[in-house]
Each structure stands twice: as C-alpha cells, then as structure tokens.
Amino acid sequence: MDRLSSEEQPLQMKRWPKKTITAGYRHTVALHSDGKVTAVGDNKYGQCQVNGWRDITAVAAGTGHIGNSHTVGLQKNGKVVAVGWNKYQQCNVNDWRDIKAIAAGWRRTLGLKKDGTIIAIGRNNEGQCDVSDWREIVSVSAGDWHTLGLQKDGTVKRAGNNRYGQGNVEDWRNIVETGTGYLHSVGLRSDGTVVAAGLNKEDQCDVGGWRDIVEIAVGSNHTIGLKADGTVVAVGRNTDGQGETSDWHDIVAISAGNAHTIGLKADGSMVAVGRNDEGQCEVSGI
C-alpha cells in the first residue's frame, strides 16, 4: 500500500473519526476505552441508561433546540443500540447491520453502512431522512431539520429544511468533516479552514477567520473548533456560557449540545461548560 502524503494523512484521519464523546440536548455521553459507556444529565426518557452497553465503538446523542433526546451506540460487530425518547421510532435500530458510523439528530437516527450508503429512521416532515439514494458517503451529520452527507470526493450532499440557507453546501470542496446545528451548517476543509452556511443571527457562522482546525462541533446556535495545538475556539450564542472554552488546553475531541459544550483531554478526563440544569456538565467523575 502506498504511504499517504503528509497532506493526505489528516484528511484520512478526519474521514474515519471515532466518536468517543457526544453532547445531547441536555445530557452527555462518554465512551470508555473498554467499550463501555457512561452518561450524565437528563434521563427523563432513559437516554442515560447505557450502563449495560458493551463493545461500543462510537456514540451519538440526539440534540435539538427544544424537546427530548435519545442516545445511540455503534457496536464493533456493526450493529446499533439505542435508548431514550422514541416517539418517532428513532430508537428502532436493532435490525441494522453492517454500520460503520452513526449520527443522531432531533427525532431521528442515521447509520452509515460499510458500502457508503445511508439508512435513516425517525421524523421526516422536512425530508431530513430522504437519504436512501446517497452513495459514496464517508460521514454523516444530523441537525434539527436537515442532514449532511460527506462524499469521498470532499463534496457534501444535503437533505431537509433549507429555509435559512443551511443546505447551501453545493459549492463546498475539500471538506473532511461536517457539522449541523438548529439552522446552520459547518464544514471543515482539509487545509484546516472552516466554512459555514445558514442562519447567522447569533454569529454562529462567523468562522471565516479560523485556521489550524482539526475538528468541529456544532450546537443548536453555537459552533466550536478544535485547533491543532489542543486549544478550542467558539462563536455563536453564549447565554449559558457554552462558548467559554478559551482556557481549555490539551483537548483531543469536542462535542456540542443544545446549550453546553464538552471536551476530552489528552489524559482521558473531560471538561464541560454551559447549561447544567440537568447535570449534563458534571463530567469530572466520568
């Protein structure tokens, strides 16, 4: 096999991420190195009841600007498990097979199959689940009412609501990761710069000056960027302190919920800022 060039290496790394932390609407989920999972925060619908999960390789949590949530886990055998709010059957994933990546949006769940196609279940009132004809997808992200699929050529497919231009991603190129919020979309380019589209009322799309970014996370109305040096930048709504990340260091992964932000440090510990009404930021013991 040919060795990847230094330019191609981060591209490959970002196309096949292992999602070890995830922030839901009002809960936080962490995947441990032994394949077990821990969750804290709102558990009204059992979305934190993940203690019995085993052999998990990735986690995802449903988020949205309002409402309830669910949690999804990808097992190493390609099967999927889910707990939590299930009004729209978004947790009915037990028959899924050959899945290599997962995403959870508001009221729906998506799975990326090993053949590069997507399956989706949940509410589809805006066409956000109309992804069955997508091909050559390498990652998927789910917002409130829209879905983005990253193709292996670095371009992006979209489905769902586009009222505020959050689906205007046709001209994006060299994308290695996508993120979706309430009404905005964000894309990380292979050169470490970032693009955004959609509603910008809270400045959540003001990412044009970002550089050296290696990962992005998108909350309902805020956007987070992890820099190559392990520091974190943030734009957008900060009414609950969800953007107070300027003093974070040694961060290796990030995730953003409705109004809170979490980070995984190099030593395996976690940090969190933002709304903590349900204990979703109480991550020191995870």
C-alpha atoms as a PDB file:
ATOM      1  CA  MET A   1       0.000   0.000   0.000  1.00  0.00           C
ATOM      2  CA  ASP A   2       1.327   3.445  -0.880  1.00  0.00           C
ATOM      3  CA  ARG A   3       2.214   5.674   2.028  1.00  0.00           C
ATOM      4  CA  LEU A   4      -0.086   8.669   2.450  1.00  0.00           C
ATOM      5  CA  SER A   5       1.463  12.090   1.939  1.00  0.00           C
ATOM      6  CA  SER A   6       1.568  14.460   4.890  1.00  0.00           C
ATOM      7  CA  GLU A   7      -1.283  16.391   3.294  1.00  0.00           C
ATOM      8  CA  GLU A   8      -3.461  13.305   2.891  1.00  0.00           C
ATOM      9  CA  GLN A   9      -2.927  11.908   6.392  1.00  0.00           C
ATOM     10  CA  PRO A  10      -5.186  14.372   8.295  1.00  0.00           C
ATOM     11  CA  LEU A  11      -7.790  14.005   5.550  1.00  0.00           C
ATOM     12  CA  GLN A  12      -7.977  10.257   6.129  1.00  0.00           C
ATOM     13  CA  MET A  13      -7.972  10.705   9.888  1.00  0.00           C
ATOM     14  CA  LYS A  14     -10.941  13.060   9.844  1.00  0.00           C
ATOM     15  CA  ARG A  15     -12.925  10.919   7.436  1.00  0.00           C
ATOM     16  CA  TRP A  16     -12.955   7.986   9.824  1.00  0.00           C
ATOM     17  CA  PRO A  17     -13.368   9.524  13.291  1.00  0.00           C
ATOM     18  CA  LYS A  18     -14.166   7.500  16.380  1.00  0.00           C
ATOM     19  CA  LYS A  19     -16.826   9.400  18.257  1.00  0.00           C
ATOM     20  CA  THR A  20     -15.910   8.904  21.905  1.00  0.00           C
ATOM     21  CA  ILE A  21     -17.880  11.791  23.439  1.00  0.00           C
ATOM     22  CA  THR A  22     -21.208  13.302  22.486  1.00  0.00           C
ATOM     23  CA  ALA A  23     -23.422  16.070  23.852  1.00  0.00           C
ATOM     24  CA  GLY A  24     -27.174  15.696  23.552  1.00  0.00           C
ATOM     25  CA  TYR A  25     -29.961  18.144  24.227  1.00  0.00           C
ATOM     26  CA  ARG A  26     -29.456  18.045  27.992  1.00  0.00           C
ATOM     27  CA  HIS A  27     -27.203  15.042  28.544  1.00  0.00           C
ATOM     28  CA  THR A  28     -23.608  13.972  27.949  1.00  0.00           C
ATOM     29  CA  VAL A  29     -22.308  10.566  26.888  1.00  0.00           C
ATOM     30  CA  ALA A  30     -18.760   9.194  27.085  1.00  0.00           C
ATOM     31  CA  LEU A  31     -17.301   6.047  25.539  1.00  0.00           C
ATOM     32  CA  HIS A  32     -14.578   4.348  27.578  1.00  0.00           C
ATOM     33  CA  SER A  33     -11.578   2.518  26.162  1.00  0.00           C
ATOM     34  CA  ASP A  34     -13.053  -0.833  27.247  1.00  0.00           C
ATOM     35  CA  GLY A  35     -16.151  -0.336  25.101  1.00  0.00           C
ATOM     36  CA  LYS A  36     -18.433   0.593  27.985  1.00  0.00           C
ATOM     37  CA  VAL A  37     -20.446   3.822  28.096  1.00  0.00           C
ATOM     38  CA  THR A  38     -21.318   6.382  30.778  1.00  0.00           C
ATOM     39  CA  ALA A  39     -23.936   9.136  30.619  1.00  0.00           C
ATOM     40  CA  VAL A  40     -24.945  12.052  32.848  1.00  0.00           C
ATOM     41  CA  GLY A  41     -27.736  14.603  32.687  1.00  0.00           C
ATOM     42  CA  ASP A  42     -31.416  14.465  31.805  1.00  0.00           C
ATOM     43  CA  ASN A  43     -32.721  10.898  31.956  1.00  0.00           C
ATOM     44  CA  LYS A  44     -36.447  11.541  31.666  1.00  0.00           C
ATOM     45  CA  TYR A  45     -36.807   9.090  28.787  1.00  0.00           C
ATOM     46  CA  GLY A  46     -33.976   6.741  29.740  1.00  0.00           C
ATOM     47  CA  GLN A  47     -31.451   8.365  27.412  1.00  0.00           C
ATOM     48  CA  CYS A  48     -28.746   7.908  30.063  1.00  0.00           C
ATOM     49  CA  GLN A  49     -29.455   4.214  30.647  1.00  0.00           C
ATOM     50  CA  VAL A  50     -26.360   2.984  28.825  1.00  0.00           C
ATOM     51  CA  ASN A  51     -24.556   1.211  31.656  1.00  0.00           C
ATOM     52  CA  GLY A  52     -25.290  -2.212  30.181  1.00  0.00           C
ATOM     53  CA  TRP A  53     -23.823  -1.448  26.773  1.00  0.00           C
ATOM     54  CA  ARG A  54     -20.706  -3.388  25.760  1.00  0.00           C
ATOM     55  CA  ASP A  55     -18.306  -3.498  22.811  1.00  0.00           C
ATOM     56  CA  ILE A  56     -19.261   0.022  21.693  1.00  0.00           C
ATOM     57  CA  THR A  57     -17.018   1.821  19.190  1.00  0.00           C
ATOM     58  CA  ALA A  58     -18.924   5.109  18.753  1.00  0.00           C
ATOM     59  CA  VAL A  59     -21.702   7.073  20.433  1.00  0.00           C
ATOM     60  CA  ALA A  60     -24.160   9.722  19.253  1.00  0.00           C
ATOM     61  CA  ALA A  61     -26.799  11.744  21.070  1.00  0.00           C
ATOM     62  CA  GLY A  62     -29.894  13.382  19.657  1.00  0.00           C
ATOM     63  CA  THR A  63     -29.878  17.113  20.109  1.00  0.00           C
ATOM     64  CA  GLY A  64     -32.195  19.943  19.168  1.00  0.00           C
ATOM     65  CA  HIS A  65     -33.211  23.449  20.081  1.00  0.00           C
ATOM     66  CA  ILE A  66     -36.086  22.112  22.211  1.00  0.00           C
ATOM     67  CA  GLY A  67     -37.529  18.788  23.214  1.00  0.00           C
ATOM     68  CA  ASN A  68     -36.347  15.402  24.341  1.00  0.00           C
ATOM     69  CA  SER A  69     -33.412  13.233  23.356  1.00  0.00           C
ATOM     70  CA  HIS A  70     -32.054   9.763  22.693  1.00  0.00           C
ATOM     71  CA  THR A  71     -28.662   8.036  22.699  1.00  0.00           C
ATOM     72  CA  VAL A  72     -27.238   5.723  20.061  1.00  0.00           C
ATOM     73  CA  GLY A  73     -24.298   3.315  20.234  1.00  0.00           C
ATOM     74  CA  LEU A  74     -22.418   1.538  17.466  1.00  0.00           C
ATOM     75  CA  GLN A  75     -21.150  -1.922  18.346  1.00  0.00           C
ATOM     76  CA  LYS A  76     -17.931  -3.341  16.923  1.00  0.00           C
ATOM     77  CA  ASN A  77     -19.936  -6.003  15.071  1.00  0.00           C
ATOM     78  CA  GLY A  78     -21.733  -3.311  13.043  1.00  0.00           C
ATOM     79  CA  LYS A  79     -24.988  -3.494  14.969  1.00  0.00           C
ATOM     80  CA  VAL A  80     -26.632  -0.484  16.638  1.00  0.00           C
ATOM     81  CA  VAL A  81     -28.321   0.046  20.006  1.00  0.00           C
ATOM     82  CA  ALA A  82     -30.407   2.994  21.179  1.00  0.00           C
ATOM     83  CA  VAL A  83     -32.218   4.221  24.275  1.00  0.00           C
ATOM     84  CA  GLY A  84     -34.325   7.244  25.124  1.00  0.00           C
ATOM     85  CA  TRP A  85     -37.198   9.150  23.602  1.00  0.00           C
ATOM     86  CA  ASN A  86     -38.760   7.097  20.807  1.00  0.00           C
ATOM     87  CA  LYS A  87     -41.920   8.903  19.748  1.00  0.00           C
ATOM     88  CA  TYR A  88     -40.849   8.831  16.083  1.00  0.00           C
ATOM     89  CA  GLN A  89     -39.229   5.350  16.213  1.00  0.00           C
ATOM     90  CA  GLN A  90     -35.778   6.923  16.199  1.00  0.00           C
ATOM     91  CA  CYS A  91     -34.595   4.185  18.569  1.00  0.00           C
ATOM     92  CA  ASN A  92     -35.841   1.294  16.425  1.00  0.00           C
ATOM     93  CA  VAL A  93     -32.404   0.376  15.111  1.00  0.00           C
ATOM     94  CA  ASN A  94     -31.957  -3.157  16.448  1.00  0.00           C
ATOM     95  CA  ASP A  95     -32.203  -4.701  12.985  1.00  0.00           C
ATOM     96  CA  TRP A  96     -29.497  -2.510  11.457  1.00  0.00           C
ATOM     97  CA  ARG A  97     -26.397  -4.340  10.222  1.00  0.00           C
ATOM     98  CA  ASP A  98     -23.047  -3.515   8.620  1.00  0.00           C
ATOM     99  CA  ILE A  99     -22.996   0.000  10.084  1.00  0.00           C
ATOM    100  CA  LYS A 100     -19.664   1.798  10.397  1.00  0.00           C
ATOM    101  CA  ALA A 101     -20.770   5.247  11.656  1.00  0.00           C
ATOM    102  CA  ILE A 102     -23.825   6.759  13.334  1.00  0.00           C
ATOM    103  CA  ALA A 103     -25.436  10.162  13.768  1.00  0.00           C
ATOM    104  CA  ALA A 104     -28.367  11.328  15.864  1.00  0.00           C
ATOM    105  CA  GLY A 105     -30.410  14.402  15.096  1.00  0.00           C
ATOM    106  CA  TRP A 106     -33.556  15.852  16.588  1.00  0.00           C
ATOM    107  CA  ARG A 107     -36.103  12.994  16.452  1.00  0.00           C
ATOM    108  CA  ARG A 108     -34.109  10.752  14.083  1.00  0.00           C
ATOM    109  CA  THR A 109     -31.132   8.425  13.747  1.00  0.00           C
ATOM    110  CA  LEU A 110     -28.863   7.789  10.773  1.00  0.00           C
ATOM    111  CA  GLY A 111     -26.456   4.982  10.024  1.00  0.00           C
ATOM    112  CA  LEU A 112     -23.622   4.931   7.510  1.00  0.00           C
ATOM    113  CA  LYS A 113     -23.252   1.453   6.036  1.00  0.00           C
ATOM    114  CA  LYS A 114     -19.980  -0.130   5.014  1.00  0.00           C
ATOM    115  CA  ASP A 115     -20.955   0.207   1.343  1.00  0.00           C
ATOM    116  CA  GLY A 116     -21.192   4.017   1.641  1.00  0.00           C
ATOM    117  CA  THR A 117     -24.992   4.220   1.688  1.00  0.00           C
ATOM    118  CA  ILE A 118     -27.163   5.723   4.443  1.00  0.00           C
ATOM    119  CA  ILE A 119     -30.183   4.454   6.315  1.00  0.00           C
ATOM    120  CA  ALA A 120     -32.395   6.712   8.410  1.00  0.00           C
ATOM    121  CA  ILE A 121     -35.298   6.363  10.804  1.00  0.00           C
ATOM    122  CA  GLY A 122     -37.393   8.946  12.597  1.00  0.00           C
ATOM    123  CA  ARG A 123     -39.382  12.036  11.787  1.00  0.00           C
ATOM    124  CA  ASN A 124     -39.231  13.056   8.141  1.00  0.00           C
ATOM    125  CA  ASN A 125     -41.583  16.011   7.914  1.00  0.00           C
ATOM    126  CA  GLU A 126     -38.924  18.152   6.208  1.00  0.00           C
ATOM    127  CA  GLY A 127     -37.351  15.389   4.123  1.00  0.00           C
ATOM    128  CA  GLN A 128     -34.410  15.132   6.510  1.00  0.00           C
ATOM    129  CA  CYS A 129     -34.468  11.323   6.186  1.00  0.00           C
ATOM    130  CA  ASP A 130     -34.571  11.274   2.379  1.00  0.00           C
ATOM    131  CA  VAL A 131     -31.051   9.891   2.014  1.00  0.00           C
ATOM    132  CA  SER A 132     -31.653   6.423   0.566  1.00  0.00           C
ATOM    133  CA  ASP A 133     -30.214   7.387  -2.835  1.00  0.00           C
ATOM    134  CA  TRP A 134     -26.938   8.755  -1.446  1.00  0.00           C
ATOM    135  CA  ARG A 135     -23.777   6.922  -2.474  1.00  0.00           C
ATOM    136  CA  GLU A 136     -20.055   7.041  -1.658  1.00  0.00           C
ATOM    137  CA  ILE A 137     -20.697   8.705   1.713  1.00  0.00           C
ATOM    138  CA  VAL A 138     -17.888   8.680   4.300  1.00  0.00           C
ATOM    139  CA  SER A 139     -19.588  10.536   7.167  1.00  0.00           C
ATOM    140  CA  VAL A 140     -22.975  11.980   8.072  1.00  0.00           C
ATOM    141  CA  SER A 141     -24.209  14.713  10.433  1.00  0.00           C
ATOM    142  CA  ALA A 142     -27.741  15.441  11.576  1.00  0.00           C
ATOM    143  CA  GLY A 143     -29.158  18.764  12.703  1.00  0.00           C
ATOM    144  CA  ASP A 144     -32.666  19.622  13.783  1.00  0.00           C
ATOM    145  CA  TRP A 145     -34.345  19.513  10.377  1.00  0.00           C
ATOM    146  CA  HIS A 146     -31.535  18.893   7.920  1.00  0.00           C
ATOM    147  CA  THR A 147     -28.904  16.263   7.189  1.00  0.00           C
ATOM    148  CA  LEU A 148     -25.474  16.499   5.565  1.00  0.00           C
ATOM    149  CA  GLY A 149     -23.555  13.654   3.977  1.00  0.00           C
ATOM    150  CA  LEU A 150     -19.845  13.950   3.186  1.00  0.00           C
ATOM    151  CA  GLN A 151     -18.863  12.197  -0.035  1.00  0.00           C
ATOM    152  CA  LYS A 152     -15.451  10.617  -0.553  1.00  0.00           C
ATOM    153  CA  ASP A 153     -14.524  13.309  -3.094  1.00  0.00           C
ATOM    154  CA  GLY A 154     -14.843  16.016  -0.410  1.00  0.00           C
ATOM    155  CA  THR A 155     -18.196  17.395  -1.580  1.00  0.00           C
ATOM    156  CA  VAL A 156     -21.376  17.444   0.503  1.00  0.00           C
ATOM    157  CA  LYS A 157     -24.936  16.196  -0.037  1.00  0.00           C
ATOM    158  CA  ARG A 158     -27.877  17.663   1.853  1.00  0.00           C
ATOM    159  CA  ALA A 159     -31.474  16.791   2.674  1.00  0.00           C
ATOM    160  CA  GLY A 160     -34.205  18.521   4.656  1.00  0.00           C
ATOM    161  CA  ASN A 161     -35.105  22.066   5.543  1.00  0.00           C
ATOM    162  CA  ASN A 162     -33.211  24.870   3.783  1.00  0.00           C
ATOM    163  CA  ARG A 163     -35.249  27.886   4.825  1.00  0.00           C
ATOM    164  CA  TYR A 164     -32.227  29.805   6.079  1.00  0.00           C
ATOM    165  CA  GLY A 165     -29.719  28.516   3.550  1.00  0.00           C
ATOM    166  CA  GLN A 166     -28.291  25.876   5.858  1.00  0.00           C
ATOM    167  CA  GLY A 167     -28.359  23.475   2.917  1.00  0.00           C
ATOM    168  CA  ASN A 168     -26.422  25.731   0.555  1.00  0.00           C
ATOM    169  CA  VAL A 169     -23.365  23.499   0.530  1.00  0.00           C
ATOM    170  CA  GLU A 170     -23.192  22.594  -3.171  1.00  0.00           C
ATOM    171  CA  ASP A 171     -20.063  24.668  -3.756  1.00  0.00           C
ATOM    172  CA  TRP A 172     -18.141  23.309  -0.755  1.00  0.00           C
ATOM    173  CA  ARG A 173     -14.959  21.481  -1.729  1.00  0.00           C
ATOM    174  CA  ASN A 174     -12.158  19.608   0.058  1.00  0.00           C
ATOM    175  CA  ILE A 175     -14.399  19.006   3.079  1.00  0.00           C
ATOM    176  CA  VAL A 176     -13.260  16.424   5.639  1.00  0.00           C
ATOM    177  CA  GLU A 177     -15.948  16.882   8.321  1.00  0.00           C
ATOM    178  CA  THR A 178     -19.417  18.399   8.563  1.00  0.00           C
ATOM    179  CA  GLY A 179     -21.488  19.625  11.474  1.00  0.00           C
ATOM    180  CA  THR A 180     -25.148  20.594  11.693  1.00  0.00           C
ATOM    181  CA  GLY A 181     -26.989  22.753  14.203  1.00  0.00           C
ATOM    182  CA  TYR A 182     -30.506  24.076  14.538  1.00  0.00           C
ATOM    183  CA  LEU A 183     -30.448  26.208  11.386  1.00  0.00           C
ATOM    184  CA  HIS A 184     -26.802  26.306  10.320  1.00  0.00           C
ATOM    185  CA  SER A 185     -24.181  24.005   8.804  1.00  0.00           C
ATOM    186  CA  VAL A 186     -20.411  23.954   9.170  1.00  0.00           C
ATOM    187  CA  GLY A 187     -17.706  22.281   7.107  1.00  0.00           C
ATOM    188  CA  LEU A 188     -14.043  21.653   7.920  1.00  0.00           C
ATOM    189  CA  ARG A 189     -11.703  21.822   4.942  1.00  0.00           C
ATOM    190  CA  SER A 190      -8.599  19.673   4.562  1.00  0.00           C
ATOM    191  CA  ASP A 191      -6.398  22.771   4.945  1.00  0.00           C
ATOM    192  CA  GLY A 192      -7.753  23.479   8.444  1.00  0.00           C
ATOM    193  CA  THR A 193     -10.063  26.328   7.455  1.00  0.00           C
ATOM    194  CA  VAL A 194     -13.822  26.298   8.048  1.00  0.00           C
ATOM    195  CA  VAL A 195     -16.914  27.279   6.054  1.00  0.00           C
ATOM    196  CA  ALA A 196     -20.474  27.794   7.268  1.00  0.00           C
ATOM    197  CA  ALA A 197     -23.940  28.385   5.850  1.00  0.00           C
ATOM    198  CA  GLY A 198     -27.346  29.211   7.268  1.00  0.00           C
ATOM    199  CA  LEU A 199     -28.811  31.412   9.958  1.00  0.00           C
ATOM    200  CA  ASN A 200     -26.191  33.719  11.482  1.00  0.00           C
ATOM    201  CA  LYS A 201     -28.277  35.710  13.934  1.00  0.00           C
ATOM    202  CA  GLU A 202     -26.022  34.704  16.829  1.00  0.00           C
ATOM    203  CA  ASP A 203     -22.773  34.878  14.766  1.00  0.00           C
ATOM    204  CA  GLN A 204     -22.639  31.087  14.767  1.00  0.00           C
ATOM    205  CA  CYS A 205     -21.393  31.149  11.168  1.00  0.00           C
ATOM    206  CA  ASP A 206     -18.519  33.604  11.781  1.00  0.00           C
ATOM    207  CA  VAL A 207     -15.781  31.034  11.233  1.00  0.00           C
ATOM    208  CA  GLY A 208     -14.077  32.539   8.189  1.00  0.00           C
ATOM    209  CA  GLY A 209     -11.000  33.554  10.165  1.00  0.00           C
ATOM    210  CA  TRP A 210     -10.377  30.191  11.799  1.00  0.00           C
ATOM    211  CA  ARG A 211      -7.123  28.407  10.979  1.00  0.00           C
ATOM    212  CA  ASP A 212      -5.404  25.164  12.003  1.00  0.00           C
ATOM    213  CA  ILE A 213      -8.705  23.498  12.904  1.00  0.00           C
ATOM    214  CA  VAL A 214      -8.705  19.691  13.165  1.00  0.00           C
ATOM    215  CA  GLU A 215     -12.263  19.076  14.386  1.00  0.00           C
ATOM    216  CA  ILE A 216     -15.568  20.938  14.541  1.00  0.00           C
ATOM    217  CA  ALA A 217     -18.636  20.600  16.739  1.00  0.00           C
ATOM    218  CA  VAL A 218     -21.956  22.326  16.185  1.00  0.00           C
ATOM    219  CA  GLY A 219     -24.565  23.080  18.827  1.00  0.00           C
ATOM    220  CA  SER A 220     -28.023  24.464  18.292  1.00  0.00           C
ATOM    221  CA  ASN A 221     -26.798  28.035  17.928  1.00  0.00           C
ATOM    222  CA  HIS A 222     -23.041  27.877  18.538  1.00  0.00           C
ATOM    223  CA  THR A 223     -20.003  26.483  16.745  1.00  0.00           C
ATOM    224  CA  ILE A 224     -16.837  25.036  18.284  1.00  0.00           C
ATOM    225  CA  GLY A 225     -13.451  24.413  16.675  1.00  0.00           C
ATOM    226  CA  LEU A 226     -10.583  22.290  17.989  1.00  0.00           C
ATOM    227  CA  LYS A 227      -7.185  23.622  16.952  1.00  0.00           C
ATOM    228  CA  ALA A 228      -4.107  21.548  16.205  1.00  0.00           C
ATOM    229  CA  ASP A 229      -2.443  22.834  19.381  1.00  0.00           C
ATOM    230  CA  GLY A 230      -5.230  21.437  21.588  1.00  0.00           C
ATOM    231  CA  THR A 231      -6.967  24.748  22.262  1.00  0.00           C
ATOM    232  CA  VAL A 232     -10.598  25.468  21.399  1.00  0.00           C
ATOM    233  CA  VAL A 233     -12.339  28.412  19.717  1.00  0.00           C
ATOM    234  CA  ALA A 234     -16.044  29.212  19.792  1.00  0.00           C
ATOM    235  CA  VAL A 235     -18.570  31.510  18.134  1.00  0.00           C
ATOM    236  CA  GLY A 236     -22.307  31.953  18.447  1.00  0.00           C
ATOM    237  CA  ARG A 237     -24.761  32.052  21.310  1.00  0.00           C
ATOM    238  CA  ASN A 238     -23.136  32.169  24.729  1.00  0.00           C
ATOM    239  CA  THR A 239     -26.070  32.910  27.013  1.00  0.00           C
ATOM    240  CA  ASP A 240     -25.318  29.852  29.138  1.00  0.00           C
ATOM    241  CA  GLY A 241     -21.537  30.033  28.873  1.00  0.00           C
ATOM    242  CA  GLN A 242     -21.412  27.309  26.221  1.00  0.00           C
ATOM    243  CA  GLY A 243     -18.722  29.265  24.380  1.00  0.00           C
ATOM    244  CA  GLU A 244     -16.415  29.759  27.373  1.00  0.00           C
ATOM    245  CA  THR A 245     -13.659  27.486  26.052  1.00  0.00           C
ATOM    246  CA  SER A 246     -10.778  29.923  25.681  1.00  0.00           C
ATOM    247  CA  ASP A 247      -8.892  28.497  28.671  1.00  0.00           C
ATOM    248  CA  TRP A 248      -9.142  24.862  27.523  1.00  0.00           C
ATOM    249  CA  HIS A 249      -5.857  23.104  26.700  1.00  0.00           C
ATOM    250  CA  ASP A 250      -4.713  19.594  25.749  1.00  0.00           C
ATOM    251  CA  ILE A 251      -8.095  18.852  24.131  1.00  0.00           C
ATOM    252  CA  VAL A 252      -8.304  15.945  21.675  1.00  0.00           C
ATOM    253  CA  ALA A 253     -12.058  15.793  20.955  1.00  0.00           C
ATOM    254  CA  ILE A 254     -15.083  18.086  21.253  1.00  0.00           C
ATOM    255  CA  SER A 255     -18.869  17.921  21.068  1.00  0.00           C
ATOM    256  CA  ALA A 256     -21.651  20.491  21.360  1.00  0.00           C
ATOM    257  CA  GLY A 257     -25.212  20.066  22.587  1.00  0.00           C
ATOM    258  CA  ASN A 258     -28.099  22.470  22.641  1.00  0.00           C
ATOM    259  CA  ALA A 259     -26.509  24.839  25.166  1.00  0.00           C
ATOM    260  CA  HIS A 260     -23.442  23.048  26.512  1.00  0.00           C
ATOM    261  CA  THR A 261     -20.031  22.082  25.182  1.00  0.00           C
ATOM    262  CA  ILE A 262     -17.795  19.192  26.208  1.00  0.00           C
ATOM    263  CA  GLY A 263     -14.148  18.402  25.602  1.00  0.00           C
ATOM    264  CA  LEU A 264     -11.990  15.309  26.008  1.00  0.00           C
ATOM    265  CA  LYS A 265      -8.480  15.927  27.273  1.00  0.00           C
ATOM    266  CA  ALA A 266      -5.365  14.015  26.309  1.00  0.00           C
ATOM    267  CA  ASP A 267      -5.242  12.373  29.738  1.00  0.00           C
ATOM    268  CA  GLY A 268      -8.731  10.896  29.288  1.00  0.00           C
ATOM    269  CA  SER A 269     -10.530  13.352  31.540  1.00  0.00           C
ATOM    270  CA  MET A 270     -13.358  15.604  30.417  1.00  0.00           C
ATOM    271  CA  VAL A 271     -14.297  19.271  30.715  1.00  0.00           C
ATOM    272  CA  ALA A 272     -17.645  20.931  30.140  1.00  0.00           C
ATOM    273  CA  VAL A 273     -19.192  24.403  30.050  1.00  0.00           C
ATOM    274  CA  GLY A 274     -22.689  25.740  29.527  1.00  0.00           C
ATOM    275  CA  ARG A 275     -26.149  24.927  30.783  1.00  0.00           C
ATOM    276  CA  ASN A 276     -26.093  22.453  33.653  1.00  0.00           C
ATOM    277  CA  ASP A 277     -29.722  22.350  34.773  1.00  0.00           C
ATOM    278  CA  GLU A 278     -29.840  18.559  34.465  1.00  0.00           C
ATOM    279  CA  GLY A 279     -26.233  17.837  35.465  1.00  0.00           C
ATOM    280  CA  GLN A 280     -25.070  17.460  31.860  1.00  0.00           C
ATOM    281  CA  CYS A 281     -21.822  19.287  32.662  1.00  0.00           C
ATOM    282  CA  GLU A 282     -20.946  17.166  35.682  1.00  0.00           C
ATOM    283  CA  VAL A 283     -18.309  15.165  33.846  1.00  0.00           C
ATOM    284  CA  SER A 284     -15.420  15.174  36.302  1.00  0.00           C
ATOM    285  CA  GLY A 285     -16.292  11.686  37.527  1.00  0.00           C
ATOM    286  CA  ILE A 286     -16.786  10.066  34.147  1.00  0.00           C
END
